[in-house]
């Protein structure tokens, strides 16, 4: 079985996070999602320091689907350069890992 990862992306709004999450699950690029409470992010952007409210989205998937999932996020996201971070799950209980594998498509599909 392939490796399980969490894919983290901050979104401009809860609505944007919900749209991305629903499409990712619908197309079996992610088994599930979590939309977190809003945060305030500080970052450099085009020569300025920005401080903005963002909504974190966590998607659980196979490592082999990271590229496909990243493309979907980039197409749907309002940011010019969304931060999409794949975080390997070092330890996953067997039943949950099997569920993720069953609920996502293989990279070849």
C-alpha atoms as a PDB file:
ATOM      1  CA  UNK A   1       0.000   0.000   0.000  1.00  0.00           C
ATOM      2  CA  UNK A   2       1.143   3.539  -0.643  1.00  0.00           C
ATOM      3  CA  UNK A   3       2.028   6.068   2.012  1.00  0.00           C
ATOM      4  CA  UNK A   4      -0.654   8.230   3.668  1.00  0.00           C
ATOM      5  CA  UNK A   5      -0.149  11.989   3.766  1.00  0.00           C
ATOM      6  CA  UNK A   6      -1.989  15.013   5.045  1.00  0.00           C
ATOM      7  CA  UNK A   7      -2.177  17.921   2.602  1.00  0.00           C
ATOM      8  CA  UNK A   8      -2.355  21.318   4.274  1.00  0.00           C
ATOM      9  CA  UNK A   9      -3.499  24.447   2.448  1.00  0.00           C
ATOM     10  CA  UNK A  10      -4.669  27.765   3.874  1.00  0.00           C
ATOM     11  CA  UNK A  11      -7.723  29.188   2.120  1.00  0.00           C
ATOM     12  CA  UNK A  12      -9.104  32.711   1.859  1.00  0.00           C
ATOM     13  CA  UNK A  13     -12.468  31.725   3.365  1.00  0.00           C
ATOM     14  CA  UNK A  14     -14.445  28.840   4.793  1.00  0.00           C
ATOM     15  CA  UNK A  15     -16.467  28.775   1.561  1.00  0.00           C
ATOM     16  CA  UNK A  16     -13.310  28.319  -0.516  1.00  0.00           C
ATOM     17  CA  UNK A  17     -12.043  25.574   1.808  1.00  0.00           C
ATOM     18  CA  UNK A  18     -15.418  23.813   1.585  1.00  0.00           C
ATOM     19  CA  UNK A  19     -15.489  23.953  -2.233  1.00  0.00           C
ATOM     20  CA  UNK A  20     -11.957  22.550  -2.519  1.00  0.00           C
ATOM     21  CA  UNK A  21     -12.634  19.847   0.093  1.00  0.00           C
ATOM     22  CA  UNK A  22     -15.854  18.713  -1.579  1.00  0.00           C
ATOM     23  CA  UNK A  23     -14.240  18.479  -5.030  1.00  0.00           C
ATOM     24  CA  UNK A  24     -11.210  16.620  -3.692  1.00  0.00           C
ATOM     25  CA  UNK A  25     -13.400  14.043  -1.937  1.00  0.00           C
ATOM     26  CA  UNK A  26     -15.875  13.831  -4.848  1.00  0.00           C
ATOM     27  CA  UNK A  27     -13.059  13.018  -7.280  1.00  0.00           C
ATOM     28  CA  UNK A  28     -11.469  10.597  -4.791  1.00  0.00           C
ATOM     29  CA  UNK A  29      -8.283  12.644  -4.577  1.00  0.00           C
ATOM     30  CA  UNK A  30      -8.785  12.758  -0.791  1.00  0.00           C
ATOM     31  CA  UNK A  31     -10.579  10.394   1.551  1.00  0.00           C
ATOM     32  CA  UNK A  32     -11.607  13.122   3.971  1.00  0.00           C
ATOM     33  CA  UNK A  33     -11.023  16.709   4.973  1.00  0.00           C
ATOM     34  CA  UNK A  34     -10.936  18.925   8.031  1.00  0.00           C
ATOM     35  CA  UNK A  35     -11.665  22.633   7.879  1.00  0.00           C
ATOM     36  CA  UNK A  36     -10.101  24.358  10.863  1.00  0.00           C
ATOM     37  CA  UNK A  37     -10.940  27.553  12.705  1.00  0.00           C
ATOM     38  CA  UNK A  38      -9.664  30.763  11.116  1.00  0.00           C
ATOM     39  CA  UNK A  39      -6.103  31.841  11.839  1.00  0.00           C
ATOM     40  CA  UNK A  40      -4.109  35.000  11.179  1.00  0.00           C
ATOM     41  CA  UNK A  41      -1.119  34.466   8.894  1.00  0.00           C
ATOM     42  CA  UNK A  42       1.838  36.812   8.418  1.00  0.00           C
ATOM     43  CA  UNK A  43       3.999  36.525   5.308  1.00  0.00           C
ATOM     44  CA  UNK A  44       6.015  38.461   2.738  1.00  0.00           C
ATOM     45  CA  UNK A  45       4.146  39.041  -0.515  1.00  0.00           C
ATOM     46  CA  UNK A  46       5.336  41.277  -3.345  1.00  0.00           C
ATOM     47  CA  UNK A  47       7.644  43.325  -1.151  1.00  0.00           C
ATOM     48  CA  UNK A  48       5.267  43.796   1.774  1.00  0.00           C
ATOM     49  CA  UNK A  49       4.496  42.018   5.008  1.00  0.00           C
ATOM     50  CA  UNK A  50       0.878  40.878   4.934  1.00  0.00           C
ATOM     51  CA  UNK A  51      -1.334  39.863   7.868  1.00  0.00           C
ATOM     52  CA  UNK A  52      -4.513  38.129   6.765  1.00  0.00           C
ATOM     53  CA  UNK A  53      -7.228  35.854   8.106  1.00  0.00           C
ATOM     54  CA  UNK A  54      -7.079  32.375   6.536  1.00  0.00           C
ATOM     55  CA  UNK A  55      -8.925  29.092   6.962  1.00  0.00           C
ATOM     56  CA  UNK A  56      -6.699  25.989   7.168  1.00  0.00           C
ATOM     57  CA  UNK A  57      -7.801  22.930   5.211  1.00  0.00           C
ATOM     58  CA  UNK A  58      -6.350  19.463   5.846  1.00  0.00           C
ATOM     59  CA  UNK A  59      -6.957  16.704   3.289  1.00  0.00           C
ATOM     60  CA  UNK A  60      -6.058  13.042   3.957  1.00  0.00           C
ATOM     61  CA  UNK A  61      -4.871  11.097   0.922  1.00  0.00           C
ATOM     62  CA  UNK A  62      -2.249   8.851  -0.680  1.00  0.00           C
ATOM     63  CA  UNK A  63       1.213  10.279  -1.310  1.00  0.00           C
ATOM     64  CA  UNK A  64       0.908   9.165  -4.939  1.00  0.00           C
ATOM     65  CA  UNK A  65      -2.053  11.546  -5.437  1.00  0.00           C
ATOM     66  CA  UNK A  66      -0.232  14.679  -4.239  1.00  0.00           C
ATOM     67  CA  UNK A  67       0.389  15.990  -7.770  1.00  0.00           C
ATOM     68  CA  UNK A  68      -3.219  15.464  -8.897  1.00  0.00           C
ATOM     69  CA  UNK A  69      -4.590  16.987  -5.701  1.00  0.00           C
ATOM     70  CA  UNK A  70      -2.203  19.962  -5.952  1.00  0.00           C
ATOM     71  CA  UNK A  71      -3.408  20.707  -9.487  1.00  0.00           C
ATOM     72  CA  UNK A  72      -7.048  20.626  -8.371  1.00  0.00           C
ATOM     73  CA  UNK A  73      -6.282  22.995  -5.486  1.00  0.00           C
ATOM     74  CA  UNK A  74      -4.339  25.375  -7.754  1.00  0.00           C
ATOM     75  CA  UNK A  75      -7.245  25.477 -10.243  1.00  0.00           C
ATOM     76  CA  UNK A  76      -9.831  26.209  -7.548  1.00  0.00           C
ATOM     77  CA  UNK A  77      -7.850  28.425  -5.159  1.00  0.00           C
ATOM     78  CA  UNK A  78      -8.160  32.202  -5.217  1.00  0.00           C
ATOM     79  CA  UNK A  79      -4.488  32.813  -4.385  1.00  0.00           C
ATOM     80  CA  UNK A  80      -1.926  33.357  -7.108  1.00  0.00           C
ATOM     81  CA  UNK A  81       0.454  31.066  -5.217  1.00  0.00           C
ATOM     82  CA  UNK A  82      -1.353  28.854  -2.692  1.00  0.00           C
ATOM     83  CA  UNK A  83       0.873  27.043  -0.217  1.00  0.00           C
ATOM     84  CA  UNK A  84       0.184  23.319  -0.622  1.00  0.00           C
ATOM     85  CA  UNK A  85       2.161  21.173   1.800  1.00  0.00           C
ATOM     86  CA  UNK A  86       2.161  17.361   1.850  1.00  0.00           C
ATOM     87  CA  UNK A  87       2.973  16.013   5.304  1.00  0.00           C
ATOM     88  CA  UNK A  88       3.859  12.303   5.532  1.00  0.00           C
ATOM     89  CA  UNK A  89       1.915  10.466   8.218  1.00  0.00           C
ATOM     90  CA  UNK A  90       4.634   8.651  10.151  1.00  0.00           C
ATOM     91  CA  UNK A  91       2.174   6.363  11.879  1.00  0.00           C
ATOM     92  CA  UNK A  92      -1.367   5.471  10.829  1.00  0.00           C
ATOM     93  CA  UNK A  93      -3.502   2.761  12.365  1.00  0.00           C
ATOM     94  CA  UNK A  94      -4.104  -0.108   9.938  1.00  0.00           C
ATOM     95  CA  UNK A  95      -7.889   0.229   9.691  1.00  0.00           C
ATOM     96  CA  UNK A  96      -7.739   3.976   8.947  1.00  0.00           C
ATOM     97  CA  UNK A  97      -4.976   3.502   6.369  1.00  0.00           C
ATOM     98  CA  UNK A  98      -7.023   0.797   4.652  1.00  0.00           C
ATOM     99  CA  UNK A  99     -10.066   3.111   4.636  1.00  0.00           C
ATOM    100  CA  UNK A 100      -8.044   5.931   3.026  1.00  0.00           C
ATOM    101  CA  UNK A 101      -6.748   3.535   0.365  1.00  0.00           C
ATOM    102  CA  UNK A 102     -10.283   2.296  -0.348  1.00  0.00           C
ATOM    103  CA  UNK A 103     -11.749   5.819  -0.550  1.00  0.00           C
ATOM    104  CA  UNK A 104      -9.121   7.285  -2.874  1.00  0.00           C
ATOM    105  CA  UNK A 105      -8.226   6.312  -6.390  1.00  0.00           C
ATOM    106  CA  UNK A 106      -4.809   4.995  -7.286  1.00  0.00           C
ATOM    107  CA  UNK A 107      -2.544   7.379  -9.196  1.00  0.00           C
ATOM    108  CA  UNK A 108      -3.048   5.217 -12.306  1.00  0.00           C
ATOM    109  CA  UNK A 109      -6.869   5.603 -12.275  1.00  0.00           C
END
